[in-house]
Amino acid sequence: MSEKSKFSWGPATGVGSMPGGDAREAARTVAGTFETPEQGMPFLPELPARGPGADMIGRTAGLLVDVYARVEPSGWRIGDRPGMDTRRARSWLGEDLDALEEFTQGYRGPLKVQAVGPWTLAAALERRNGESALGDAGACRDLAGSLAEGLAEHLAEVRRRVPGAEVVLQLDEPSLTAVLRGQIKTASGYRTHRAVDRQTVESALRDLVAVHDGPVVVHSCAPDVPFALLRRAGAAGVSFDASLLTERDEETIGEAVEAGTQLFAGVVPSADAALSDPASNVSGVRTLWRRLGLAPGSLAGSVVVTPSCGLAGASPAYARAALAHCVRAARSLADNPE
């Protein structure tokens, strides 16, 4: 088992995005919910409601080194120099880091930060001709290299601001399965980009995982998450929407757990809903464990409870309740693993 797989995870956390546009309020909510590692893992909130530059693609584009992007009617497009959109993205990230630093004074334990992974980024960013960077192997390599440099600087900044943190890097890859299957549409919308070779995808992810000397989690709330590929690429954890799992996922999940991969199980609704008994949210995880023949005693230590996806579309009140519900559901899982 690798050193990364031995990391002491918190029992619960959020995926990343939060509602509204108040960085201090979001940081206060997160830090207050996961005040200690025994309650869960705090994270750097993302607030996409603020607009372009706070969205997941724009936020990560602002981290790139010597690669710049601007907003076009069709989306984010690679440009020649940093402009207003890049400055806005970096400014908002600075506000978020200021708020995180303020509300994590004295904190010691795991702390998660999120960025878009190289393949979802390549699928979303346009080249100058309006086509996705995904259609150009050289552009994909350049983006991955720039992202690696930018993430190294970002992670160092987080460590500086929260010196007691054991930083966890989450790479958001919701488009990864579509990239592997050749389902990303071209600019015309009539064709799709060719599927990217699995070894190429795995190699790029492995290189990015290696940038961080701590654990890396890959998140996707899309169906058919490639658990085995992510494990081979070095991901210490995989974050997913548990409601989308199928029987064909079970074997690879079992292999991942036995190899020490941490499962971030999205079991609490991410949109406003009635929150019932926390035990009911994790009942499917218990059932999965029994079907896989895994030891019940390993359940709580192998699973981190999360919302099914980001909370950006929820009301502020529900977002607070959902994170607190994750903590209670995780406690239920630990107290009653069978």
C-alpha atoms as a PDB file:
ATOM      1  CA  MET A   1       0.000   0.000   0.000  1.00  0.00           C
ATOM      2  CA  SER A   2       1.365   3.419  -0.928  1.00  0.00           C
ATOM      3  CA  GLU A   3       2.066   6.183   1.546  1.00  0.00           C
ATOM      4  CA  LYS A   4      -0.719   8.221  -0.033  1.00  0.00           C
ATOM      5  CA  SER A   5      -3.236   5.443   0.641  1.00  0.00           C
ATOM      6  CA  LYS A   6      -2.305   5.504   4.367  1.00  0.00           C
ATOM      7  CA  PHE A   7      -3.434   9.123   4.672  1.00  0.00           C
ATOM      8  CA  SER A   8      -5.787   9.883   7.586  1.00  0.00           C
ATOM      9  CA  TRP A   9      -8.957  11.033   5.851  1.00  0.00           C
ATOM     10  CA  GLY A  10     -11.828  12.757   7.583  1.00  0.00           C
ATOM     11  CA  PRO A  11     -15.148  10.872   7.607  1.00  0.00           C
ATOM     12  CA  ALA A  12     -17.033  13.482   5.541  1.00  0.00           C
ATOM     13  CA  THR A  13     -16.470  16.473   3.256  1.00  0.00           C
ATOM     14  CA  GLY A  14     -18.036  18.499   0.458  1.00  0.00           C
ATOM     15  CA  VAL A  15     -17.369  18.251  -3.258  1.00  0.00           C
ATOM     16  CA  GLY A  16     -16.324  21.886  -3.694  1.00  0.00           C
ATOM     17  CA  SER A  17     -18.932  24.346  -4.929  1.00  0.00           C
ATOM     18  CA  MET A  18     -21.212  26.304  -2.627  1.00  0.00           C
ATOM     19  CA  PRO A  19     -24.147  28.657  -3.290  1.00  0.00           C
ATOM     20  CA  GLY A  20     -24.034  32.458  -3.309  1.00  0.00           C
ATOM     21  CA  GLY A  21     -21.164  34.855  -3.728  1.00  0.00           C
ATOM     22  CA  ASP A  22     -19.960  35.609  -0.191  1.00  0.00           C
ATOM     23  CA  ALA A  23     -16.533  33.988   0.250  1.00  0.00           C
ATOM     24  CA  ARG A  24     -16.420  34.623   4.000  1.00  0.00           C
ATOM     25  CA  GLU A  25     -19.849  33.096   4.593  1.00  0.00           C
ATOM     26  CA  ALA A  26     -18.948  30.004   2.548  1.00  0.00           C
ATOM     27  CA  ALA A  27     -15.641  29.564   4.374  1.00  0.00           C
ATOM     28  CA  ARG A  28     -17.368  30.060   7.735  1.00  0.00           C
ATOM     29  CA  THR A  29     -19.914  27.355   6.885  1.00  0.00           C
ATOM     30  CA  VAL A  30     -17.292  24.864   5.740  1.00  0.00           C
ATOM     31  CA  ALA A  31     -14.876  25.500   8.618  1.00  0.00           C
ATOM     32  CA  GLY A  32     -17.693  25.409  11.141  1.00  0.00           C
ATOM     33  CA  THR A  33     -19.078  22.121   9.845  1.00  0.00           C
ATOM     34  CA  PHE A  34     -15.696  20.392   9.673  1.00  0.00           C
ATOM     35  CA  GLU A  35     -14.134  22.072  12.668  1.00  0.00           C
ATOM     36  CA  THR A  36     -11.981  19.083  13.569  1.00  0.00           C
ATOM     37  CA  PRO A  37     -10.668  16.127  11.532  1.00  0.00           C
ATOM     38  CA  GLU A  38     -12.992  13.878  13.559  1.00  0.00           C
ATOM     39  CA  GLN A  39     -15.964  15.717  12.033  1.00  0.00           C
ATOM     40  CA  GLY A  40     -14.612  15.786   8.500  1.00  0.00           C
ATOM     41  CA  MET A  41     -12.337  17.455   5.996  1.00  0.00           C
ATOM     42  CA  PRO A  42     -12.778  21.199   5.300  1.00  0.00           C
ATOM     43  CA  PHE A  43     -12.316  22.376   1.726  1.00  0.00           C
ATOM     44  CA  LEU A  44     -11.697  25.557  -0.226  1.00  0.00           C
ATOM     45  CA  PRO A  45     -15.192  26.647  -1.366  1.00  0.00           C
ATOM     46  CA  GLU A  46     -15.927  27.529  -4.994  1.00  0.00           C
ATOM     47  CA  LEU A  47     -18.673  30.090  -5.692  1.00  0.00           C
ATOM     48  CA  PRO A  48     -19.663  29.887  -9.384  1.00  0.00           C
ATOM     49  CA  ALA A  49     -22.714  32.140  -8.863  1.00  0.00           C
ATOM     50  CA  ARG A  50     -20.320  35.105  -9.009  1.00  0.00           C
ATOM     51  CA  GLY A  51     -20.011  34.574 -12.765  1.00  0.00           C
ATOM     52  CA  PRO A  52     -17.277  33.801 -15.322  1.00  0.00           C
ATOM     53  CA  GLY A  53     -13.958  33.292 -13.598  1.00  0.00           C
ATOM     54  CA  ALA A  54     -15.610  31.744 -10.546  1.00  0.00           C
ATOM     55  CA  ASP A  55     -16.964  28.814 -12.571  1.00  0.00           C
ATOM     56  CA  MET A  56     -14.914  25.615 -12.479  1.00  0.00           C
ATOM     57  CA  ILE A  57     -13.312  26.106 -15.912  1.00  0.00           C
ATOM     58  CA  GLY A  58     -12.535  29.803 -15.462  1.00  0.00           C
ATOM     59  CA  ARG A  59     -11.207  29.274 -11.948  1.00  0.00           C
ATOM     60  CA  THR A  60      -8.761  26.610 -13.141  1.00  0.00           C
ATOM     61  CA  ALA A  61      -7.863  28.615 -16.249  1.00  0.00           C
ATOM     62  CA  GLY A  62      -6.758  31.351 -13.866  1.00  0.00           C
ATOM     63  CA  LEU A  63      -4.232  28.931 -12.350  1.00  0.00           C
ATOM     64  CA  LEU A  64      -2.507  28.163 -15.665  1.00  0.00           C
ATOM     65  CA  VAL A  65       1.067  29.334 -16.202  1.00  0.00           C
ATOM     66  CA  ASP A  66       1.842  31.110 -19.502  1.00  0.00           C
ATOM     67  CA  VAL A  67      -1.524  30.010 -20.923  1.00  0.00           C
ATOM     68  CA  TYR A  68      -4.417  32.438 -20.748  1.00  0.00           C
ATOM     69  CA  ALA A  69      -8.123  32.223 -21.452  1.00  0.00           C
ATOM     70  CA  ARG A  70     -10.932  34.686 -22.065  1.00  0.00           C
ATOM     71  CA  VAL A  71     -14.708  34.410 -22.173  1.00  0.00           C
ATOM     72  CA  GLU A  72     -16.375  34.187 -25.588  1.00  0.00           C
ATOM     73  CA  PRO A  73     -20.097  33.679 -26.297  1.00  0.00           C
ATOM     74  CA  SER A  74     -19.338  29.982 -26.856  1.00  0.00           C
ATOM     75  CA  GLY A  75     -17.315  29.568 -23.668  1.00  0.00           C
ATOM     76  CA  TRP A  76     -13.701  29.885 -22.530  1.00  0.00           C
ATOM     77  CA  ARG A  77     -11.110  30.345 -25.294  1.00  0.00           C
ATOM     78  CA  ILE A  78      -7.319  30.306 -25.108  1.00  0.00           C
ATOM     79  CA  GLY A  79      -5.823  33.748 -25.795  1.00  0.00           C
ATOM     80  CA  ASP A  80      -2.429  35.386 -26.209  1.00  0.00           C
ATOM     81  CA  ARG A  81      -2.200  37.393 -22.982  1.00  0.00           C
ATOM     82  CA  PRO A  82      -3.883  37.758 -19.600  1.00  0.00           C
ATOM     83  CA  GLY A  83      -6.966  39.928 -19.794  1.00  0.00           C
ATOM     84  CA  MET A  84      -9.859  41.018 -17.627  1.00  0.00           C
ATOM     85  CA  ASP A  85     -11.259  37.486 -17.307  1.00  0.00           C
ATOM     86  CA  THR A  86      -7.955  36.064 -16.082  1.00  0.00           C
ATOM     87  CA  ARG A  87      -7.538  38.912 -13.602  1.00  0.00           C
ATOM     88  CA  ARG A  88     -11.090  38.400 -12.325  1.00  0.00           C
ATOM     89  CA  ALA A  89     -10.546  34.652 -11.834  1.00  0.00           C
ATOM     90  CA  ARG A  90      -7.325  35.236  -9.912  1.00  0.00           C
ATOM     91  CA  SER A  91      -8.879  37.985  -7.808  1.00  0.00           C
ATOM     92  CA  TRP A  92     -11.799  35.796  -6.742  1.00  0.00           C
ATOM     93  CA  LEU A  93      -9.477  32.923  -5.911  1.00  0.00           C
ATOM     94  CA  GLY A  94      -7.473  35.350  -3.763  1.00  0.00           C
ATOM     95  CA  GLU A  95     -10.652  36.334  -1.898  1.00  0.00           C
ATOM     96  CA  ASP A  96     -11.472  32.673  -1.329  1.00  0.00           C
ATOM     97  CA  LEU A  97      -8.006  31.977   0.019  1.00  0.00           C
ATOM     98  CA  ASP A  98      -8.206  35.022   2.314  1.00  0.00           C
ATOM     99  CA  ALA A  99     -11.504  33.740   3.730  1.00  0.00           C
ATOM    100  CA  LEU A 100     -10.186  30.201   4.118  1.00  0.00           C
ATOM    101  CA  GLU A 101      -7.130  31.471   5.965  1.00  0.00           C
ATOM    102  CA  GLU A 102      -9.302  33.569   8.278  1.00  0.00           C
ATOM    103  CA  PHE A 103     -11.565  30.707   9.336  1.00  0.00           C
ATOM    104  CA  THR A 104      -8.928  27.965   9.602  1.00  0.00           C
ATOM    105  CA  GLN A 105      -6.631  29.699  12.076  1.00  0.00           C
ATOM    106  CA  GLY A 106      -4.997  27.013  14.188  1.00  0.00           C
ATOM    107  CA  TYR A 107      -6.511  24.165  12.181  1.00  0.00           C
ATOM    108  CA  ARG A 108      -4.455  20.992  11.854  1.00  0.00           C
ATOM    109  CA  GLY A 109      -5.568  18.107   9.669  1.00  0.00           C
ATOM    110  CA  PRO A 110      -6.672  17.290   6.119  1.00  0.00           C
ATOM    111  CA  LEU A 111      -7.786  20.184   3.906  1.00  0.00           C
ATOM    112  CA  LYS A 112      -9.069  19.749   0.341  1.00  0.00           C
ATOM    113  CA  VAL A 113      -8.648  22.056  -2.645  1.00  0.00           C
ATOM    114  CA  GLN A 114     -10.199  21.458  -6.057  1.00  0.00           C
ATOM    115  CA  ALA A 115      -9.184  22.127  -9.668  1.00  0.00           C
ATOM    116  CA  VAL A 116     -10.400  20.871 -13.025  1.00  0.00           C
ATOM    117  CA  GLY A 117      -8.366  17.951 -14.329  1.00  0.00           C
ATOM    118  CA  PRO A 118      -6.463  18.032 -17.633  1.00  0.00           C
ATOM    119  CA  TRP A 119      -9.010  16.151 -19.752  1.00  0.00           C
ATOM    120  CA  THR A 120     -12.130  18.023 -18.707  1.00  0.00           C
ATOM    121  CA  LEU A 121     -10.124  21.237 -19.119  1.00  0.00           C
ATOM    122  CA  ALA A 122      -9.003  20.225 -22.623  1.00  0.00           C
ATOM    123  CA  ALA A 123     -12.582  19.332 -23.531  1.00  0.00           C
ATOM    124  CA  ALA A 124     -13.907  22.697 -22.329  1.00  0.00           C
ATOM    125  CA  LEU A 125     -11.242  25.191 -23.461  1.00  0.00           C
ATOM    126  CA  GLU A 126     -11.411  26.327 -27.077  1.00  0.00           C
ATOM    127  CA  ARG A 127      -8.446  26.962 -29.329  1.00  0.00           C
ATOM    128  CA  ARG A 128      -8.316  30.136 -31.392  1.00  0.00           C
ATOM    129  CA  ASN A 129     -10.306  28.477 -34.201  1.00  0.00           C
ATOM    130  CA  GLY A 130     -13.171  27.726 -31.818  1.00  0.00           C
ATOM    131  CA  GLU A 131     -12.514  23.996 -31.651  1.00  0.00           C
ATOM    132  CA  SER A 132     -11.857  22.243 -28.372  1.00  0.00           C
ATOM    133  CA  ALA A 133      -8.243  21.841 -27.307  1.00  0.00           C
ATOM    134  CA  LEU A 134      -9.076  18.151 -27.040  1.00  0.00           C
ATOM    135  CA  GLY A 135      -8.755  17.852 -30.811  1.00  0.00           C
ATOM    136  CA  ASP A 136      -5.058  18.799 -30.744  1.00  0.00           C
ATOM    137  CA  ALA A 137      -2.649  16.451 -28.947  1.00  0.00           C
ATOM    138  CA  GLY A 138      -0.033  19.182 -28.651  1.00  0.00           C
ATOM    139  CA  ALA A 139      -2.542  21.576 -27.097  1.00  0.00           C
ATOM    140  CA  CYS A 140      -3.527  18.874 -24.593  1.00  0.00           C
ATOM    141  CA  ARG A 141       0.095  18.378 -23.579  1.00  0.00           C
ATOM    142  CA  ASP A 142       0.661  22.129 -23.243  1.00  0.00           C
ATOM    143  CA  LEU A 143      -2.448  22.510 -21.077  1.00  0.00           C
ATOM    144  CA  ALA A 144      -1.456  19.614 -18.830  1.00  0.00           C
ATOM    145  CA  GLY A 145       2.048  21.027 -18.381  1.00  0.00           C
ATOM    146  CA  SER A 146       0.752  24.516 -17.636  1.00  0.00           C
ATOM    147  CA  LEU A 147      -1.793  23.118 -15.192  1.00  0.00           C
ATOM    148  CA  ALA A 148       0.908  21.141 -13.385  1.00  0.00           C
ATOM    149  CA  GLU A 149       2.977  24.298 -12.875  1.00  0.00           C
ATOM    150  CA  GLY A 150      -0.004  26.320 -11.758  1.00  0.00           C
ATOM    151  CA  LEU A 151      -1.196  23.682  -9.314  1.00  0.00           C
ATOM    152  CA  ALA A 152       2.252  23.407  -7.750  1.00  0.00           C
ATOM    153  CA  GLU A 153       2.188  27.160  -7.056  1.00  0.00           C
ATOM    154  CA  HIS A 154      -1.409  27.040  -5.803  1.00  0.00           C
ATOM    155  CA  LEU A 155      -0.748  24.161  -3.422  1.00  0.00           C
ATOM    156  CA  ALA A 156       2.295  25.937  -2.020  1.00  0.00           C
ATOM    157  CA  GLU A 157       0.156  29.029  -1.402  1.00  0.00           C
ATOM    158  CA  VAL A 158      -2.484  26.988   0.438  1.00  0.00           C
ATOM    159  CA  ARG A 159       0.201  25.423   2.651  1.00  0.00           C
ATOM    160  CA  ARG A 160       1.601  28.871   3.402  1.00  0.00           C
ATOM    161  CA  ARG A 161      -1.786  30.222   4.433  1.00  0.00           C
ATOM    162  CA  VAL A 162      -2.860  27.148   6.433  1.00  0.00           C
ATOM    163  CA  PRO A 163       0.430  25.758   7.752  1.00  0.00           C
ATOM    164  CA  GLY A 164      -1.248  23.021   9.783  1.00  0.00           C
ATOM    165  CA  ALA A 165      -3.039  21.594   6.761  1.00  0.00           C
ATOM    166  CA  GLU A 166      -2.360  18.224   5.182  1.00  0.00           C
ATOM    167  CA  VAL A 167      -3.442  19.282   1.717  1.00  0.00           C
ATOM    168  CA  VAL A 168      -5.573  16.995  -0.446  1.00  0.00           C
ATOM    169  CA  LEU A 169      -5.832  17.836  -4.158  1.00  0.00           C
ATOM    170  CA  GLN A 170      -9.100  17.021  -5.900  1.00  0.00           C
ATOM    171  CA  LEU A 171      -9.089  16.918  -9.712  1.00  0.00           C
ATOM    172  CA  ASP A 172     -12.576  17.396 -11.163  1.00  0.00           C
ATOM    173  CA  GLU A 173     -12.997  15.234 -14.265  1.00  0.00           C
ATOM    174  CA  PRO A 174     -16.727  15.097 -15.104  1.00  0.00           C
ATOM    175  CA  SER A 175     -15.946  14.845 -18.848  1.00  0.00           C
ATOM    176  CA  LEU A 176     -13.404  12.042 -18.505  1.00  0.00           C
ATOM    177  CA  THR A 177     -15.712   9.191 -19.529  1.00  0.00           C
ATOM    178  CA  ALA A 178     -16.931  11.180 -22.550  1.00  0.00           C
ATOM    179  CA  VAL A 179     -13.303  11.863 -23.540  1.00  0.00           C
ATOM    180  CA  LEU A 180     -12.509   8.141 -23.366  1.00  0.00           C
ATOM    181  CA  ARG A 181     -15.589   7.249 -25.428  1.00  0.00           C
ATOM    182  CA  GLY A 182     -15.243   9.914 -28.102  1.00  0.00           C
ATOM    183  CA  GLN A 183     -18.419  11.726 -27.045  1.00  0.00           C
ATOM    184  CA  ILE A 184     -17.126  15.315 -26.844  1.00  0.00           C
ATOM    185  CA  LYS A 185     -18.788  17.307 -29.626  1.00  0.00           C
ATOM    186  CA  THR A 186     -16.931  19.485 -32.100  1.00  0.00           C
ATOM    187  CA  ALA A 187     -17.774  23.190 -32.503  1.00  0.00           C
ATOM    188  CA  SER A 188     -20.360  22.427 -35.192  1.00  0.00           C
ATOM    189  CA  GLY A 189     -22.174  20.017 -32.907  1.00  0.00           C
ATOM    190  CA  TYR A 190     -22.531  17.523 -35.752  1.00  0.00           C
ATOM    191  CA  ARG A 191     -19.445  15.435 -35.038  1.00  0.00           C
ATOM    192  CA  THR A 192     -17.479  14.311 -32.025  1.00  0.00           C
ATOM    193  CA  HIS A 193     -13.789  14.338 -31.265  1.00  0.00           C
ATOM    194  CA  ARG A 194     -11.990  11.053 -31.601  1.00  0.00           C
ATOM    195  CA  ALA A 195     -11.696   9.041 -28.385  1.00  0.00           C
ATOM    196  CA  VAL A 196      -8.405   9.636 -26.622  1.00  0.00           C
ATOM    197  CA  ASP A 197      -6.280   6.528 -26.066  1.00  0.00           C
ATOM    198  CA  ARG A 198      -6.655   5.235 -22.509  1.00  0.00           C
ATOM    199  CA  GLN A 199      -2.894   5.017 -21.995  1.00  0.00           C
ATOM    200  CA  THR A 200      -2.537   8.669 -23.032  1.00  0.00           C
ATOM    201  CA  VAL A 201      -5.278   9.675 -20.607  1.00  0.00           C
ATOM    202  CA  GLU A 202      -3.764   7.630 -17.795  1.00  0.00           C
ATOM    203  CA  SER A 203      -0.251   8.969 -18.420  1.00  0.00           C
ATOM    204  CA  ALA A 204      -1.369  12.617 -18.301  1.00  0.00           C
ATOM    205  CA  LEU A 205      -3.270  12.028 -15.072  1.00  0.00           C
ATOM    206  CA  ARG A 206      -0.316  10.201 -13.547  1.00  0.00           C
ATOM    207  CA  ASP A 207       1.993  13.117 -14.358  1.00  0.00           C
ATOM    208  CA  LEU A 208      -0.403  15.549 -12.705  1.00  0.00           C
ATOM    209  CA  VAL A 209      -0.892  13.357  -9.631  1.00  0.00           C
ATOM    210  CA  ALA A 210       2.888  13.337  -9.233  1.00  0.00           C
ATOM    211  CA  VAL A 211       2.932  17.138  -8.867  1.00  0.00           C
ATOM    212  CA  HIS A 212       1.426  16.862  -5.381  1.00  0.00           C
ATOM    213  CA  ASP A 213       3.346  15.185  -2.575  1.00  0.00           C
ATOM    214  CA  GLY A 214       0.079  14.444  -0.783  1.00  0.00           C
ATOM    215  CA  PRO A 215      -3.005  12.460  -1.739  1.00  0.00           C
ATOM    216  CA  VAL A 216      -4.969  13.208  -4.916  1.00  0.00           C
ATOM    217  CA  VAL A 217      -8.674  12.485  -5.357  1.00  0.00           C
ATOM    218  CA  VAL A 218     -10.377  12.437  -8.751  1.00  0.00           C
ATOM    219  CA  HIS A 219     -14.031  13.500  -8.794  1.00  0.00           C
ATOM    220  CA  SER A 220     -16.697  12.795 -11.389  1.00  0.00           C
ATOM    221  CA  CYS A 221     -20.448  12.963 -10.878  1.00  0.00           C
ATOM    222  CA  ALA A 222     -21.008  11.427 -14.345  1.00  0.00           C
ATOM    223  CA  PRO A 223     -21.945   7.773 -14.896  1.00  0.00           C
ATOM    224  CA  ASP A 224     -19.346   5.053 -15.532  1.00  0.00           C
ATOM    225  CA  VAL A 225     -16.411   6.500 -13.619  1.00  0.00           C
ATOM    226  CA  PRO A 226     -13.238   4.635 -14.762  1.00  0.00           C
ATOM    227  CA  PHE A 227     -12.196   3.450 -11.296  1.00  0.00           C
ATOM    228  CA  ALA A 228      -9.458   1.083 -12.500  1.00  0.00           C
ATOM    229  CA  LEU A 229      -7.821   3.688 -14.763  1.00  0.00           C
ATOM    230  CA  LEU A 230      -7.810   6.281 -11.982  1.00  0.00           C
ATOM    231  CA  ARG A 231      -6.296   3.818  -9.536  1.00  0.00           C
ATOM    232  CA  ARG A 232      -3.526   2.959 -12.005  1.00  0.00           C
ATOM    233  CA  ALA A 233      -2.888   6.678 -12.530  1.00  0.00           C
ATOM    234  CA  GLY A 234      -2.103   7.014  -8.837  1.00  0.00           C
ATOM    235  CA  ALA A 235      -5.320   8.522  -7.468  1.00  0.00           C
ATOM    236  CA  ALA A 236      -5.515   7.878  -3.732  1.00  0.00           C
ATOM    237  CA  GLY A 237      -9.268   8.416  -3.796  1.00  0.00           C
ATOM    238  CA  VAL A 238     -12.198   8.517  -6.219  1.00  0.00           C
ATOM    239  CA  SER A 239     -15.221  10.764  -5.653  1.00  0.00           C
ATOM    240  CA  PHE A 240     -18.508   9.801  -7.328  1.00  0.00           C
ATOM    241  CA  ASP A 241     -22.301  10.037  -7.255  1.00  0.00           C
ATOM    242  CA  ALA A 242     -23.282   6.781  -5.570  1.00  0.00           C
ATOM    243  CA  SER A 243     -26.754   6.835  -7.143  1.00  0.00           C
ATOM    244  CA  LEU A 244     -25.180   6.314 -10.585  1.00  0.00           C
ATOM    245  CA  LEU A 245     -23.309   3.114  -9.717  1.00  0.00           C
ATOM    246  CA  THR A 246     -24.243  -0.029 -11.645  1.00  0.00           C
ATOM    247  CA  GLU A 247     -23.428  -3.693 -11.147  1.00  0.00           C
ATOM    248  CA  ARG A 248     -20.552  -3.480 -13.620  1.00  0.00           C
ATOM    249  CA  ASP A 249     -18.889  -0.874 -11.364  1.00  0.00           C
ATOM    250  CA  GLU A 250     -18.830  -3.198  -8.377  1.00  0.00           C
ATOM    251  CA  GLU A 251     -15.879  -5.404  -9.302  1.00  0.00           C
ATOM    252  CA  THR A 252     -13.576  -2.454  -9.990  1.00  0.00           C
ATOM    253  CA  ILE A 253     -14.749  -0.754  -6.781  1.00  0.00           C
ATOM    254  CA  GLY A 254     -13.923  -3.876  -4.803  1.00  0.00           C
ATOM    255  CA  GLU A 255     -10.464  -4.037  -6.388  1.00  0.00           C
ATOM    256  CA  ALA A 256      -9.919  -0.358  -5.646  1.00  0.00           C
ATOM    257  CA  VAL A 257     -10.872  -0.736  -1.983  1.00  0.00           C
ATOM    258  CA  GLU A 258      -8.612  -3.757  -1.553  1.00  0.00           C
ATOM    259  CA  ALA A 259      -5.757  -1.735  -3.112  1.00  0.00           C
ATOM    260  CA  GLY A 260      -6.290   1.028  -0.523  1.00  0.00           C
ATOM    261  CA  THR A 261      -8.229   3.524  -2.656  1.00  0.00           C
ATOM    262  CA  GLN A 262     -10.466   5.827  -0.629  1.00  0.00           C
ATOM    263  CA  LEU A 263     -14.074   6.081  -1.811  1.00  0.00           C
ATOM    264  CA  PHE A 264     -15.741   9.486  -1.633  1.00  0.00           C
ATOM    265  CA  ALA A 265     -19.341   8.349  -1.809  1.00  0.00           C
ATOM    266  CA  GLY A 266     -21.836  10.996  -2.873  1.00  0.00           C
ATOM    267  CA  VAL A 267     -24.933   9.878  -0.997  1.00  0.00           C
ATOM    268  CA  VAL A 268     -26.551  13.132   0.221  1.00  0.00           C
ATOM    269  CA  PRO A 269     -28.626  15.021  -2.415  1.00  0.00           C
ATOM    270  CA  SER A 270     -26.835  18.089  -3.779  1.00  0.00           C
ATOM    271  CA  ALA A 271     -30.053  19.989  -4.572  1.00  0.00           C
ATOM    272  CA  ASP A 272     -32.667  21.059  -2.036  1.00  0.00           C
ATOM    273  CA  ALA A 273     -34.458  17.966  -0.756  1.00  0.00           C
ATOM    274  CA  ALA A 274     -35.918  16.600   2.442  1.00  0.00           C
ATOM    275  CA  LEU A 275     -33.092  15.139   4.515  1.00  0.00           C
ATOM    276  CA  SER A 276     -34.209  11.982   6.268  1.00  0.00           C
ATOM    277  CA  ASP A 277     -32.502   9.642   8.721  1.00  0.00           C
ATOM    278  CA  PRO A 278     -28.733   9.840   8.039  1.00  0.00           C
ATOM    279  CA  ALA A 279     -28.517   6.040   8.262  1.00  0.00           C
ATOM    280  CA  SER A 280     -30.742   5.756   5.194  1.00  0.00           C
ATOM    281  CA  ASN A 281     -28.296   7.781   3.116  1.00  0.00           C
ATOM    282  CA  VAL A 282     -25.507   5.264   3.692  1.00  0.00           C
ATOM    283  CA  SER A 283     -27.627   2.102   3.550  1.00  0.00           C
ATOM    284  CA  GLY A 284     -26.636   1.580  -0.095  1.00  0.00           C
ATOM    285  CA  VAL A 285     -22.958   1.728   0.853  1.00  0.00           C
ATOM    286  CA  ARG A 286     -23.491  -0.930   3.515  1.00  0.00           C
ATOM    287  CA  THR A 287     -25.334  -3.100   0.986  1.00  0.00           C
ATOM    288  CA  LEU A 288     -22.503  -2.689  -1.533  1.00  0.00           C
ATOM    289  CA  TRP A 289     -19.973  -3.727   1.120  1.00  0.00           C
ATOM    290  CA  ARG A 290     -21.918  -6.917   1.852  1.00  0.00           C
ATOM    291  CA  ARG A 291     -22.230  -7.809  -1.833  1.00  0.00           C
ATOM    292  CA  LEU A 292     -18.495  -7.333  -2.331  1.00  0.00           C
ATOM    293  CA  GLY A 293     -17.723  -9.512   0.681  1.00  0.00           C
ATOM    294  CA  LEU A 294     -15.602  -6.791   2.266  1.00  0.00           C
ATOM    295  CA  ALA A 295     -15.004  -6.711   6.018  1.00  0.00           C
ATOM    296  CA  PRO A 296     -17.609  -4.489   7.743  1.00  0.00           C
ATOM    297  CA  GLY A 297     -14.914  -3.161  10.036  1.00  0.00           C
ATOM    298  CA  SER A 298     -13.134  -1.590   7.045  1.00  0.00           C
ATOM    299  CA  LEU A 299     -16.192   0.331   5.881  1.00  0.00           C
ATOM    300  CA  ALA A 300     -15.935   3.595   7.837  1.00  0.00           C
ATOM    301  CA  GLY A 301     -12.190   3.853   7.245  1.00  0.00           C
ATOM    302  CA  SER A 302     -12.545   3.334   3.488  1.00  0.00           C
ATOM    303  CA  VAL A 303     -15.428   5.733   2.794  1.00  0.00           C
ATOM    304  CA  VAL A 304     -15.741   9.516   3.010  1.00  0.00           C
ATOM    305  CA  VAL A 305     -19.372  10.686   2.891  1.00  0.00           C
ATOM    306  CA  THR A 306     -20.149  13.623   0.560  1.00  0.00           C
ATOM    307  CA  PRO A 307     -23.041  15.235  -1.271  1.00  0.00           C
ATOM    308  CA  SER A 308     -23.737  13.646  -4.660  1.00  0.00           C
ATOM    309  CA  CYS A 309     -22.131  16.628  -6.417  1.00  0.00           C
ATOM    310  CA  GLY A 310     -21.383  20.293  -5.791  1.00  0.00           C
ATOM    311  CA  LEU A 311     -23.852  22.438  -3.840  1.00  0.00           C
ATOM    312  CA  ALA A 312     -23.809  25.510  -6.106  1.00  0.00           C
ATOM    313  CA  GLY A 313     -27.436  24.984  -7.126  1.00  0.00           C
ATOM    314  CA  ALA A 314     -28.709  24.583  -3.576  1.00  0.00           C
ATOM    315  CA  SER A 315     -30.045  27.254  -1.264  1.00  0.00           C
ATOM    316  CA  PRO A 316     -27.565  28.481   1.378  1.00  0.00           C
ATOM    317  CA  ALA A 317     -29.669  26.953   4.138  1.00  0.00           C
ATOM    318  CA  TYR A 318     -29.804  23.591   2.408  1.00  0.00           C
ATOM    319  CA  ALA A 319     -26.060  23.639   1.662  1.00  0.00           C
ATOM    320  CA  ARG A 320     -25.343  24.090   5.376  1.00  0.00           C
ATOM    321  CA  ALA A 321     -27.798  21.336   6.276  1.00  0.00           C
ATOM    322  CA  ALA A 322     -26.423  18.951   3.634  1.00  0.00           C
ATOM    323  CA  LEU A 323     -22.830  19.260   4.864  1.00  0.00           C
ATOM    324  CA  ALA A 324     -23.930  18.714   8.458  1.00  0.00           C
ATOM    325  CA  HIS A 325     -25.987  15.733   7.281  1.00  0.00           C
ATOM    326  CA  CYS A 326     -22.856  14.226   5.705  1.00  0.00           C
ATOM    327  CA  VAL A 327     -21.170  14.370   9.114  1.00  0.00           C
ATOM    328  CA  ARG A 328     -24.115  12.601  10.757  1.00  0.00           C
ATOM    329  CA  ALA A 329     -24.316   9.979   7.994  1.00  0.00           C
ATOM    330  CA  ALA A 330     -20.602   9.253   8.358  1.00  0.00           C
ATOM    331  CA  ARG A 331     -21.064   8.842  12.108  1.00  0.00           C
ATOM    332  CA  SER A 332     -23.890   6.397  11.459  1.00  0.00           C
ATOM    333  CA  LEU A 333     -21.642   4.416   9.122  1.00  0.00           C
ATOM    334  CA  ALA A 334     -18.939   4.194  11.776  1.00  0.00           C
ATOM    335  CA  ASP A 335     -21.315   3.276  14.590  1.00  0.00           C
ATOM    336  CA  ASN A 336     -23.258   0.667  12.582  1.00  0.00           C
ATOM    337  CA  PRO A 337     -21.127  -0.736   9.745  1.00  0.00           C
ATOM    338  CA  GLU A 338     -23.328  -3.826   9.228  1.00  0.00           C
END
